[in-house]
Amino acid sequence: MSVKLRLSRMGNRHRPFYRINAIDSRKQRDGRVIEQLGWFNPLDQNEAQQSELKVDRIAYWLSVGAQPSATVSMLIKRIGLNPTPGTKVEAQPTVQPQA
């Protein structure tokens, strides 16, 4: 089973809101997820409050080889993690979760 870290769309029309999920690559965008890893609100003007991520769980999924999508990779870089799949958890820098 190939796992991807990608977004699933929530919210209303013209008001997008996304959840960041670990999901089987064969599933649909909004299909059954393995684990929810956070959320992303692109309409929020304050970049610090635009997303909330579970840093430790994202680091775990990356360490076991999960492939992040382009947008999730950008969000992971914002919090200071290396989005390269296969990077061991011990090699990731310690990052304080955003408040």
PDB file of N, CA and C in Angstrom:
ATOM      1  N   MET A   1       0.841  -1.175   0.000  1.00  0.00           N
ATOM      2  CA  MET A   1       0.000   0.000   0.000  1.00  0.00           C
ATOM      3  C   MET A   1       0.887   1.239   0.000  1.00  0.00           C
ATOM      4  N   SER A   2       0.655   2.121  -0.939  1.00  0.00           N
ATOM      5  CA  SER A   2       1.391   3.370  -1.045  1.00  0.00           C
ATOM      6  C   SER A   2       0.593   4.472  -0.352  1.00  0.00           C
ATOM      7  N   VAL A   3       1.205   5.130   0.598  1.00  0.00           N
ATOM      8  CA  VAL A   3       0.522   6.169   1.369  1.00  0.00           C
ATOM      9  C   VAL A   3       0.965   7.535   0.872  1.00  0.00           C
ATOM     10  N   LYS A   4       0.006   8.439   0.745  1.00  0.00           N
ATOM     11  CA  LYS A   4       0.288   9.814   0.362  1.00  0.00           C
ATOM     12  C   LYS A   4      -0.231  10.751   1.440  1.00  0.00           C
ATOM     13  N   LEU A   5       0.439  11.870   1.584  1.00  0.00           N
ATOM     14  CA  LEU A   5      -0.031  12.942   2.450  1.00  0.00           C
ATOM     15  C   LEU A   5      -0.638  13.975   1.514  1.00  0.00           C
ATOM     16  N   ARG A   6      -1.948  14.146   1.589  1.00  0.00           N
ATOM     17  CA  ARG A   6      -2.610  15.073   0.680  1.00  0.00           C
ATOM     18  C   ARG A   6      -3.819  15.726   1.331  1.00  0.00           C
ATOM     19  N   LEU A   7      -4.385  16.681   0.611  1.00  0.00           N
ATOM     20  CA  LEU A   7      -5.499  17.469   1.120  1.00  0.00           C
ATOM     21  C   LEU A   7      -6.827  16.847   0.723  1.00  0.00           C
ATOM     22  N   SER A   8      -7.813  16.969   1.593  1.00  0.00           N
ATOM     23  CA  SER A   8      -9.189  16.653   1.231  1.00  0.00           C
ATOM     24  C   SER A   8      -9.998  17.927   1.470  1.00  0.00           C
ATOM     25  N   ARG A   9     -10.857  18.238   0.526  1.00  0.00           N
ATOM     26  CA  ARG A   9     -11.580  19.510   0.571  1.00  0.00           C
ATOM     27  C   ARG A   9     -12.801  19.430   1.474  1.00  0.00           C
ATOM     28  N   MET A  10     -12.973  20.465   2.265  1.00  0.00           N
ATOM     29  CA  MET A  10     -14.132  20.639   3.126  1.00  0.00           C
ATOM     30  C   MET A  10     -14.666  22.040   2.852  1.00  0.00           C
ATOM     31  N   GLY A  11     -15.608  22.487   3.615  1.00  0.00           N
ATOM     32  CA  GLY A  11     -16.097  23.850   3.489  1.00  0.00           C
ATOM     33  C   GLY A  11     -17.173  23.983   2.430  1.00  0.00           C
ATOM     34  N   ASN A  12     -17.593  25.206   2.194  1.00  0.00           N
ATOM     35  CA  ASN A  12     -18.664  25.512   1.255  1.00  0.00           C
ATOM     36  C   ASN A  12     -18.098  25.962  -0.086  1.00  0.00           C
ATOM     37  N   ARG A  13     -18.992  26.201  -1.018  1.00  0.00           N
ATOM     38  CA  ARG A  13     -18.593  26.723  -2.314  1.00  0.00           C
ATOM     39  C   ARG A  13     -18.003  28.115  -2.123  1.00  0.00           C
ATOM     40  N   HIS A  14     -16.891  28.385  -2.751  1.00  0.00           N
ATOM     41  CA  HIS A  14     -16.162  29.655  -2.665  1.00  0.00           C
ATOM     42  C   HIS A  14     -15.567  29.914  -1.282  1.00  0.00           C
ATOM     43  N   ARG A  15     -15.617  28.954  -0.383  1.00  0.00           N
ATOM     44  CA  ARG A  15     -15.015  29.062   0.955  1.00  0.00           C
ATOM     45  C   ARG A  15     -14.261  27.771   1.256  1.00  0.00           C
ATOM     46  N   PRO A  16     -13.163  27.511   0.558  1.00  0.00           N
ATOM     47  CA  PRO A  16     -12.486  26.229   0.741  1.00  0.00           C
ATOM     48  C   PRO A  16     -11.815  26.114   2.109  1.00  0.00           C
ATOM     49  N   PHE A  17     -11.765  24.908   2.580  1.00  0.00           N
ATOM     50  CA  PHE A  17     -11.102  24.541   3.826  1.00  0.00           C
ATOM     51  C   PHE A  17     -10.598  23.122   3.607  1.00  0.00           C
ATOM     52  N   TYR A  18      -9.370  22.843   3.951  1.00  0.00           N
ATOM     53  CA  TYR A  18      -8.789  21.547   3.642  1.00  0.00           C
ATOM     54  C   TYR A  18      -8.298  20.844   4.899  1.00  0.00           C
ATOM     55  N   ARG A  19      -8.426  19.533   4.902  1.00  0.00           N
ATOM     56  CA  ARG A  19      -7.807  18.703   5.936  1.00  0.00           C
ATOM     57  C   ARG A  19      -6.603  18.019   5.319  1.00  0.00           C
ATOM     58  N   ILE A  20      -5.551  17.896   6.097  1.00  0.00           N
ATOM     59  CA  ILE A  20      -4.348  17.214   5.649  1.00  0.00           C
ATOM     60  C   ILE A  20      -4.421  15.792   6.172  1.00  0.00           C
ATOM     61  N   ASN A  21      -4.357  14.819   5.258  1.00  0.00           N
ATOM     62  CA  ASN A  21      -4.588  13.433   5.615  1.00  0.00           C
ATOM     63  C   ASN A  21      -3.488  12.524   5.102  1.00  0.00           C
ATOM     64  N   ALA A  22      -3.292  11.423   5.808  1.00  0.00           N
ATOM     65  CA  ALA A  22      -2.530  10.294   5.288  1.00  0.00           C
ATOM     66  C   ALA A  22      -3.564   9.357   4.679  1.00  0.00           C
ATOM     67  N   ILE A  23      -3.420   9.054   3.386  1.00  0.00           N
ATOM     68  CA  ILE A  23      -4.445   8.307   2.670  1.00  0.00           C
ATOM     69  C   ILE A  23      -3.786   7.370   1.674  1.00  0.00           C
ATOM     70  N   ASP A  24      -4.429   6.238   1.429  1.00  0.00           N
ATOM     71  CA  ASP A  24      -3.967   5.295   0.420  1.00  0.00           C
ATOM     72  C   ASP A  24      -4.023   5.991  -0.937  1.00  0.00           C
ATOM     73  N   SER A  25      -2.987   5.868  -1.736  1.00  0.00           N
ATOM     74  CA  SER A  25      -2.914   6.593  -3.006  1.00  0.00           C
ATOM     75  C   SER A  25      -3.993   6.172  -3.988  1.00  0.00           C
ATOM     76  N   ARG A  26      -4.593   4.999  -3.806  1.00  0.00           N
ATOM     77  CA  ARG A  26      -5.631   4.524  -4.724  1.00  0.00           C
ATOM     78  C   ARG A  26      -7.018   5.061  -4.375  1.00  0.00           C
ATOM     79  N   LYS A  27      -7.158   5.686  -3.234  1.00  0.00           N
ATOM     80  CA  LYS A  27      -8.453   6.214  -2.799  1.00  0.00           C
ATOM     81  C   LYS A  27      -8.740   7.567  -3.455  1.00  0.00           C
ATOM     82  N   GLN A  28     -10.019   7.952  -3.440  1.00  0.00           N
ATOM     83  CA  GLN A  28     -10.432   9.238  -3.969  1.00  0.00           C
ATOM     84  C   GLN A  28      -9.931  10.368  -3.081  1.00  0.00           C
ATOM     85  N   ARG A  29      -9.994  11.586  -3.605  1.00  0.00           N
ATOM     86  CA  ARG A  29      -9.519  12.747  -2.851  1.00  0.00           C
ATOM     87  C   ARG A  29     -10.203  12.862  -1.494  1.00  0.00           C
ATOM     88  N   ASP A  30     -11.512  12.689  -1.472  1.00  0.00           N
ATOM     89  CA  ASP A  30     -12.259  12.800  -0.223  1.00  0.00           C
ATOM     90  C   ASP A  30     -12.652  11.435   0.313  1.00  0.00           C
ATOM     91  N   GLY A  31     -11.908  10.404  -0.053  1.00  0.00           N
ATOM     92  CA  GLY A  31     -12.219   9.044   0.370  1.00  0.00           C
ATOM     93  C   GLY A  31     -11.796   8.773   1.802  1.00  0.00           C
ATOM     94  N   ARG A  32     -11.822   7.497   2.158  1.00  0.00           N
ATOM     95  CA  ARG A  32     -11.500   7.073   3.512  1.00  0.00           C
ATOM     96  C   ARG A  32     -10.020   7.320   3.816  1.00  0.00           C
ATOM     97  N   VAL A  33      -9.761   7.954   4.943  1.00  0.00           N
ATOM     98  CA  VAL A  33      -8.398   8.328   5.308  1.00  0.00           C
ATOM     99  C   VAL A  33      -7.848   7.353   6.347  1.00  0.00           C
ATOM    100  N   ILE A  34      -6.529   7.279   6.407  1.00  0.00           N
ATOM    101  CA  ILE A  34      -5.862   6.470   7.427  1.00  0.00           C
ATOM    102  C   ILE A  34      -5.757   7.282   8.716  1.00  0.00           C
ATOM    103  N   GLU A  35      -5.304   8.545   8.571  1.00  0.00           N
ATOM    104  CA  GLU A  35      -5.148   9.403   9.746  1.00  0.00           C
ATOM    105  C   GLU A  35      -5.241  10.861   9.326  1.00  0.00           C
ATOM    106  N   GLN A  36      -5.914  11.663  10.130  1.00  0.00           N
ATOM    107  CA  GLN A  36      -5.989  13.104   9.886  1.00  0.00           C
ATOM    108  C   GLN A  36      -4.808  13.765  10.579  1.00  0.00           C
ATOM    109  N   LEU A  37      -4.078  14.603   9.832  1.00  0.00           N
ATOM    110  CA  LEU A  37      -2.839  15.181  10.331  1.00  0.00           C
ATOM    111  C   LEU A  37      -2.900  16.684  10.570  1.00  0.00           C
ATOM    112  N   GLY A  38      -4.024  17.313  10.277  1.00  0.00           N
ATOM    113  CA  GLY A  38      -4.135  18.749  10.500  1.00  0.00           C
ATOM    114  C   GLY A  38      -5.122  19.366   9.544  1.00  0.00           C
ATOM    115  N   TRP A  39      -5.074  20.696   9.436  1.00  0.00           N
ATOM    116  CA  TRP A  39      -5.962  21.416   8.538  1.00  0.00           C
ATOM    117  C   TRP A  39      -5.246  22.606   7.939  1.00  0.00           C
ATOM    118  N   PHE A  40      -5.850  23.141   6.851  1.00  0.00           N
ATOM    119  CA  PHE A  40      -5.286  24.279   6.127  1.00  0.00           C
ATOM    120  C   PHE A  40      -6.434  25.150   5.635  1.00  0.00           C
ATOM    121  N   ASN A  41      -6.393  26.444   5.980  1.00  0.00           N
ATOM    122  CA  ASN A  41      -7.412  27.405   5.558  1.00  0.00           C
ATOM    123  C   ASN A  41      -6.733  28.461   4.693  1.00  0.00           C
ATOM    124  N   PRO A  42      -6.819  28.332   3.353  1.00  0.00           N
ATOM    125  CA  PRO A  42      -6.105  29.273   2.487  1.00  0.00           C
ATOM    126  C   PRO A  42      -6.675  30.683   2.485  1.00  0.00           C
ATOM    127  N   LEU A  43      -7.885  30.890   2.966  1.00  0.00           N
ATOM    128  CA  LEU A  43      -8.493  32.215   2.955  1.00  0.00           C
ATOM    129  C   LEU A  43      -8.129  33.065   4.161  1.00  0.00           C
ATOM    130  N   ASP A  44      -7.521  32.489   5.167  1.00  0.00           N
ATOM    131  CA  ASP A  44      -7.130  33.241   6.360  1.00  0.00           C
ATOM    132  C   ASP A  44      -5.965  34.162   5.998  1.00  0.00           C
ATOM    133  N   GLN A  45      -6.093  35.441   6.306  1.00  0.00           N
ATOM    134  CA  GLN A  45      -5.074  36.428   5.943  1.00  0.00           C
ATOM    135  C   GLN A  45      -3.816  36.299   6.801  1.00  0.00           C
ATOM    136  N   ASN A  46      -3.967  35.865   8.041  1.00  0.00           N
ATOM    137  CA  ASN A  46      -2.835  35.702   8.948  1.00  0.00           C
ATOM    138  C   ASN A  46      -2.163  34.364   8.654  1.00  0.00           C
ATOM    139  N   GLU A  47      -0.960  34.402   8.105  1.00  0.00           N
ATOM    140  CA  GLU A  47      -0.279  33.171   7.700  1.00  0.00           C
ATOM    141  C   GLU A  47       0.010  32.251   8.883  1.00  0.00           C
ATOM    142  N   ALA A  48       0.191  32.805  10.073  1.00  0.00           N
ATOM    143  CA  ALA A  48       0.460  31.986  11.255  1.00  0.00           C
ATOM    144  C   ALA A  48      -0.762  31.157  11.653  1.00  0.00           C
ATOM    145  N   GLN A  49      -1.957  31.644  11.340  1.00  0.00           N
ATOM    146  CA  GLN A  49      -3.184  30.932  11.699  1.00  0.00           C
ATOM    147  C   GLN A  49      -3.805  30.213  10.515  1.00  0.00           C
ATOM    148  N   GLN A  50      -3.071  30.129   9.395  1.00  0.00           N
ATOM    149  CA  GLN A  50      -3.600  29.511   8.193  1.00  0.00           C
ATOM    150  C   GLN A  50      -3.655  27.992   8.289  1.00  0.00           C
ATOM    151  N   SER A  51      -2.820  27.405   9.117  1.00  0.00           N
ATOM    152  CA  SER A  51      -2.797  25.951   9.195  1.00  0.00           C
ATOM    153  C   SER A  51      -2.437  25.489  10.594  1.00  0.00           C
ATOM    154  N   GLU A  52      -2.803  24.251  10.880  1.00  0.00           N
ATOM    155  CA  GLU A  52      -2.431  23.594  12.126  1.00  0.00           C
ATOM    156  C   GLU A  52      -2.074  22.162  11.771  1.00  0.00           C
ATOM    157  N   LEU A  53      -0.863  21.744  12.120  1.00  0.00           N
ATOM    158  CA  LEU A  53      -0.376  20.426  11.734  1.00  0.00           C
ATOM    159  C   LEU A  53       0.111  19.650  12.949  1.00  0.00           C
ATOM    160  N   LYS A  54      -0.058  18.332  12.910  1.00  0.00           N
ATOM    161  CA  LYS A  54       0.486  17.452  13.933  1.00  0.00           C
ATOM    162  C   LYS A  54       1.893  17.085  13.485  1.00  0.00           C
ATOM    163  N   VAL A  55       2.868  17.827  13.985  1.00  0.00           N
ATOM    164  CA  VAL A  55       4.249  17.725  13.524  1.00  0.00           C
ATOM    165  C   VAL A  55       4.823  16.330  13.752  1.00  0.00           C
ATOM    166  N   ASP A  56       4.595  15.755  14.923  1.00  0.00           N
ATOM    167  CA  ASP A  56       5.171  14.445  15.224  1.00  0.00           C
ATOM    168  C   ASP A  56       4.614  13.349  14.317  1.00  0.00           C
ATOM    169  N   ARG A  57       3.314  13.406  14.013  1.00  0.00           N
ATOM    170  CA  ARG A  57       2.709  12.385  13.149  1.00  0.00           C
ATOM    171  C   ARG A  57       3.128  12.563  11.688  1.00  0.00           C
ATOM    172  N   ILE A  58       3.295  13.806  11.245  1.00  0.00           N
ATOM    173  CA  ILE A  58       3.771  14.047   9.887  1.00  0.00           C
ATOM    174  C   ILE A  58       5.197  13.531   9.744  1.00  0.00           C
ATOM    175  N   ALA A  59       6.028  13.783  10.751  1.00  0.00           N
ATOM    176  CA  ALA A  59       7.400  13.281  10.719  1.00  0.00           C
ATOM    177  C   ALA A  59       7.413  11.754  10.679  1.00  0.00           C
ATOM    178  N   TYR A  60       6.498  11.114  11.409  1.00  0.00           N
ATOM    179  CA  TYR A  60       6.418   9.658  11.381  1.00  0.00           C
ATOM    180  C   TYR A  60       6.061   9.162   9.980  1.00  0.00           C
ATOM    181  N   TRP A  61       5.008   9.731   9.379  1.00  0.00           N
ATOM    182  CA  TRP A  61       4.574   9.267   8.059  1.00  0.00           C
ATOM    183  C   TRP A  61       5.646   9.492   7.007  1.00  0.00           C
ATOM    184  N   LEU A  62       6.376  10.592   7.109  1.00  0.00           N
ATOM    185  CA  LEU A  62       7.477  10.815   6.176  1.00  0.00           C
ATOM    186  C   LEU A  62       8.590   9.796   6.389  1.00  0.00           C
ATOM    187  N   SER A  63       8.816   9.407   7.645  1.00  0.00           N
ATOM    188  CA  SER A  63       9.894   8.453   7.938  1.00  0.00           C
ATOM    189  C   SER A  63       9.597   7.060   7.405  1.00  0.00           C
ATOM    190  N   VAL A  64       8.321   6.721   7.249  1.00  0.00           N
ATOM    191  CA  VAL A  64       7.985   5.398   6.720  1.00  0.00           C
ATOM    192  C   VAL A  64       7.738   5.438   5.217  1.00  0.00           C
ATOM    193  N   GLY A  65       7.981   6.597   4.579  1.00  0.00           N
ATOM    194  CA  GLY A  65       7.950   6.665   3.127  1.00  0.00           C
ATOM    195  C   GLY A  65       6.715   7.246   2.492  1.00  0.00           C
ATOM    196  N   ALA A  66       5.855   7.925   3.238  1.00  0.00           N
ATOM    197  CA  ALA A  66       4.659   8.537   2.648  1.00  0.00           C
ATOM    198  C   ALA A  66       5.079   9.687   1.733  1.00  0.00           C
ATOM    199  N   GLN A  67       4.417   9.799   0.589  1.00  0.00           N
ATOM    200  CA  GLN A  67       4.730  10.816  -0.408  1.00  0.00           C
ATOM    201  C   GLN A  67       3.820  12.030  -0.218  1.00  0.00           C
ATOM    202  N   PRO A  68       4.347  13.222   0.097  1.00  0.00           N
ATOM    203  CA  PRO A  68       3.486  14.398   0.223  1.00  0.00           C
ATOM    204  C   PRO A  68       3.155  14.991  -1.142  1.00  0.00           C
ATOM    205  N   SER A  69       1.954  15.558  -1.265  1.00  0.00           N
ATOM    206  CA  SER A  69       1.603  16.279  -2.486  1.00  0.00           C
ATOM    207  C   SER A  69       2.374  17.600  -2.494  1.00  0.00           C
ATOM    208  N   ALA A  70       2.291  18.324  -3.589  1.00  0.00           N
ATOM    209  CA  ALA A  70       3.038  19.581  -3.715  1.00  0.00           C
ATOM    210  C   ALA A  70       2.602  20.600  -2.661  1.00  0.00           C
ATOM    211  N   THR A  71       1.302  20.734  -2.448  1.00  0.00           N
ATOM    212  CA  THR A  71       0.801  21.699  -1.475  1.00  0.00           C
ATOM    213  C   THR A  71       1.154  21.283  -0.054  1.00  0.00           C
ATOM    214  N   VAL A  72       1.014  20.011   0.249  1.00  0.00           N
ATOM    215  CA  VAL A  72       1.363  19.531   1.596  1.00  0.00           C
ATOM    216  C   VAL A  72       2.858  19.686   1.820  1.00  0.00           C
ATOM    217  N   SER A  73       3.654  19.459   0.797  1.00  0.00           N
ATOM    218  CA  SER A  73       5.095  19.640   0.907  1.00  0.00           C
ATOM    219  C   SER A  73       5.432  21.093   1.252  1.00  0.00           C
ATOM    220  N   MET A  74       4.739  22.045   0.634  1.00  0.00           N
ATOM    221  CA  MET A  74       4.937  23.461   0.925  1.00  0.00           C
ATOM    222  C   MET A  74       4.569  23.771   2.378  1.00  0.00           C
ATOM    223  N   LEU A  75       3.473  23.189   2.865  1.00  0.00           N
ATOM    224  CA  LEU A  75       3.058  23.410   4.253  1.00  0.00           C
ATOM    225  C   LEU A  75       4.055  22.805   5.236  1.00  0.00           C
ATOM    226  N   ILE A  76       4.610  21.651   4.885  1.00  0.00           N
ATOM    227  CA  ILE A  76       5.596  21.002   5.746  1.00  0.00           C
ATOM    228  C   ILE A  76       6.869  21.839   5.823  1.00  0.00           C
ATOM    229  N   LYS A  77       7.278  22.423   4.708  1.00  0.00           N
ATOM    230  CA  LYS A  77       8.464  23.284   4.704  1.00  0.00           C
ATOM    231  C   LYS A  77       8.257  24.510   5.574  1.00  0.00           C
ATOM    232  N   ARG A  78       7.028  25.047   5.601  1.00  0.00           N
ATOM    233  CA  ARG A  78       6.728  26.229   6.425  1.00  0.00           C
ATOM    234  C   ARG A  78       6.991  25.989   7.896  1.00  0.00           C
ATOM    235  N   ILE A  79       6.720  24.773   8.377  1.00  0.00           N
ATOM    236  CA  ILE A  79       6.918  24.504   9.809  1.00  0.00           C
ATOM    237  C   ILE A  79       8.328  24.026  10.117  1.00  0.00           C
ATOM    238  N   GLY A  80       9.159  23.857   9.083  1.00  0.00           N
ATOM    239  CA  GLY A  80      10.562  23.545   9.312  1.00  0.00           C
ATOM    240  C   GLY A  80      10.940  22.087   9.199  1.00  0.00           C
ATOM    241  N   LEU A  81      10.054  21.237   8.678  1.00  0.00           N
ATOM    242  CA  LEU A  81      10.394  19.829   8.475  1.00  0.00           C
ATOM    243  C   LEU A  81      10.894  19.616   7.050  1.00  0.00           C
ATOM    244  N   ASN A  82      11.654  18.568   6.865  1.00  0.00           N
ATOM    245  CA  ASN A  82      12.128  18.179   5.544  1.00  0.00           C
ATOM    246  C   ASN A  82      11.058  17.293   4.906  1.00  0.00           C
ATOM    247  N   PRO A  83      10.456  17.697   3.773  1.00  0.00           N
ATOM    248  CA  PRO A  83       9.365  16.910   3.179  1.00  0.00           C
ATOM    249  C   PRO A  83       9.826  15.712   2.354  1.00  0.00           C
ATOM    250  N   THR A  84      11.096  15.356   2.416  1.00  0.00           N
ATOM    251  CA  THR A  84      11.593  14.219   1.650  1.00  0.00           C
ATOM    252  C   THR A  84      11.143  12.921   2.297  1.00  0.00           C
ATOM    253  N   PRO A  85      10.474  12.032   1.535  1.00  0.00           N
ATOM    254  CA  PRO A  85      10.058  10.743   2.099  1.00  0.00           C
ATOM    255  C   PRO A  85      11.268   9.902   2.484  1.00  0.00           C
ATOM    256  N   GLY A  86      11.132   9.149   3.551  1.00  0.00           N
ATOM    257  CA  GLY A  86      12.206   8.275   4.012  1.00  0.00           C
ATOM    258  C   GLY A  86      13.150   8.920   5.001  1.00  0.00           C
ATOM    259  N   THR A  87      12.957  10.201   5.328  1.00  0.00           N
ATOM    260  CA  THR A  87      13.780  10.879   6.316  1.00  0.00           C
ATOM    261  C   THR A  87      13.409  10.367   7.701  1.00  0.00           C
ATOM    262  N   LYS A  88      14.374   9.848   8.415  1.00  0.00           N
ATOM    263  CA  LYS A  88      14.107   9.274   9.727  1.00  0.00           C
ATOM    264  C   LYS A  88      13.638  10.342  10.719  1.00  0.00           C
ATOM    265  N   VAL A  89      12.821   9.921  11.672  1.00  0.00           N
ATOM    266  CA  VAL A  89      12.268  10.839  12.667  1.00  0.00           C
ATOM    267  C   VAL A  89      13.382  11.479  13.478  1.00  0.00           C
ATOM    268  N   GLU A  90      14.419  10.721  13.801  1.00  0.00           N
ATOM    269  CA  GLU A  90      15.529  11.246  14.596  1.00  0.00           C
ATOM    270  C   GLU A  90      16.284  12.333  13.843  1.00  0.00           C
ATOM    271  N   ALA A  91      16.256  12.296  12.501  1.00  0.00           N
ATOM    272  CA  ALA A  91      16.981  13.277  11.694  1.00  0.00           C
ATOM    273  C   ALA A  91      16.207  14.579  11.529  1.00  0.00           C
ATOM    274  N   GLN A  92      14.924  14.585  11.869  1.00  0.00           N
ATOM    275  CA  GLN A  92      14.113  15.791  11.720  1.00  0.00           C
ATOM    276  C   GLN A  92      14.467  16.769  12.848  1.00  0.00           C
ATOM    277  N   PRO A  93      14.519  18.065  12.534  1.00  0.00           N
ATOM    278  CA  PRO A  93      14.773  19.043  13.595  1.00  0.00           C
ATOM    279  C   PRO A  93      13.595  19.110  14.543  1.00  0.00           C
ATOM    280  N   THR A  94      13.867  19.468  15.787  1.00  0.00           N
ATOM    281  CA  THR A  94      12.772  19.606  16.750  1.00  0.00           C
ATOM    282  C   THR A  94      12.055  20.913  16.484  1.00  0.00           C
ATOM    283  N   VAL A  95      10.757  20.834  16.268  1.00  0.00           N
ATOM    284  CA  VAL A  95       9.939  21.994  15.926  1.00  0.00           C
ATOM    285  C   VAL A  95       8.845  22.125  16.954  1.00  0.00           C
ATOM    286  N   GLN A  96       8.657  23.340  17.422  1.00  0.00           N
ATOM    287  CA  GLN A  96       7.577  23.597  18.366  1.00  0.00           C
ATOM    288  C   GLN A  96       6.270  23.731  17.590  1.00  0.00           C
ATOM    289  N   PRO A  97       5.199  23.046  17.997  1.00  0.00           N
ATOM    290  CA  PRO A  97       3.916  23.196  17.309  1.00  0.00           C
ATOM    291  C   PRO A  97       3.421  24.623  17.377  1.00  0.00           C
ATOM    292  N   GLN A  98       2.751  25.053  16.301  1.00  0.00           N
ATOM    293  CA  GLN A  98       2.219  26.408  16.271  1.00  0.00           C
ATOM    294  C   GLN A  98       1.052  26.536  17.220  1.00  0.00           C
ATOM    295  N   ALA A  99       0.938  27.695  17.846  1.00  0.00           N
ATOM    296  CA  ALA A  99      -0.154  27.917  18.800  1.00  0.00           C
ATOM    297  C   ALA A  99      -1.436  28.284  18.116  1.00  0.00           C
TER     298      ALA A  99
END
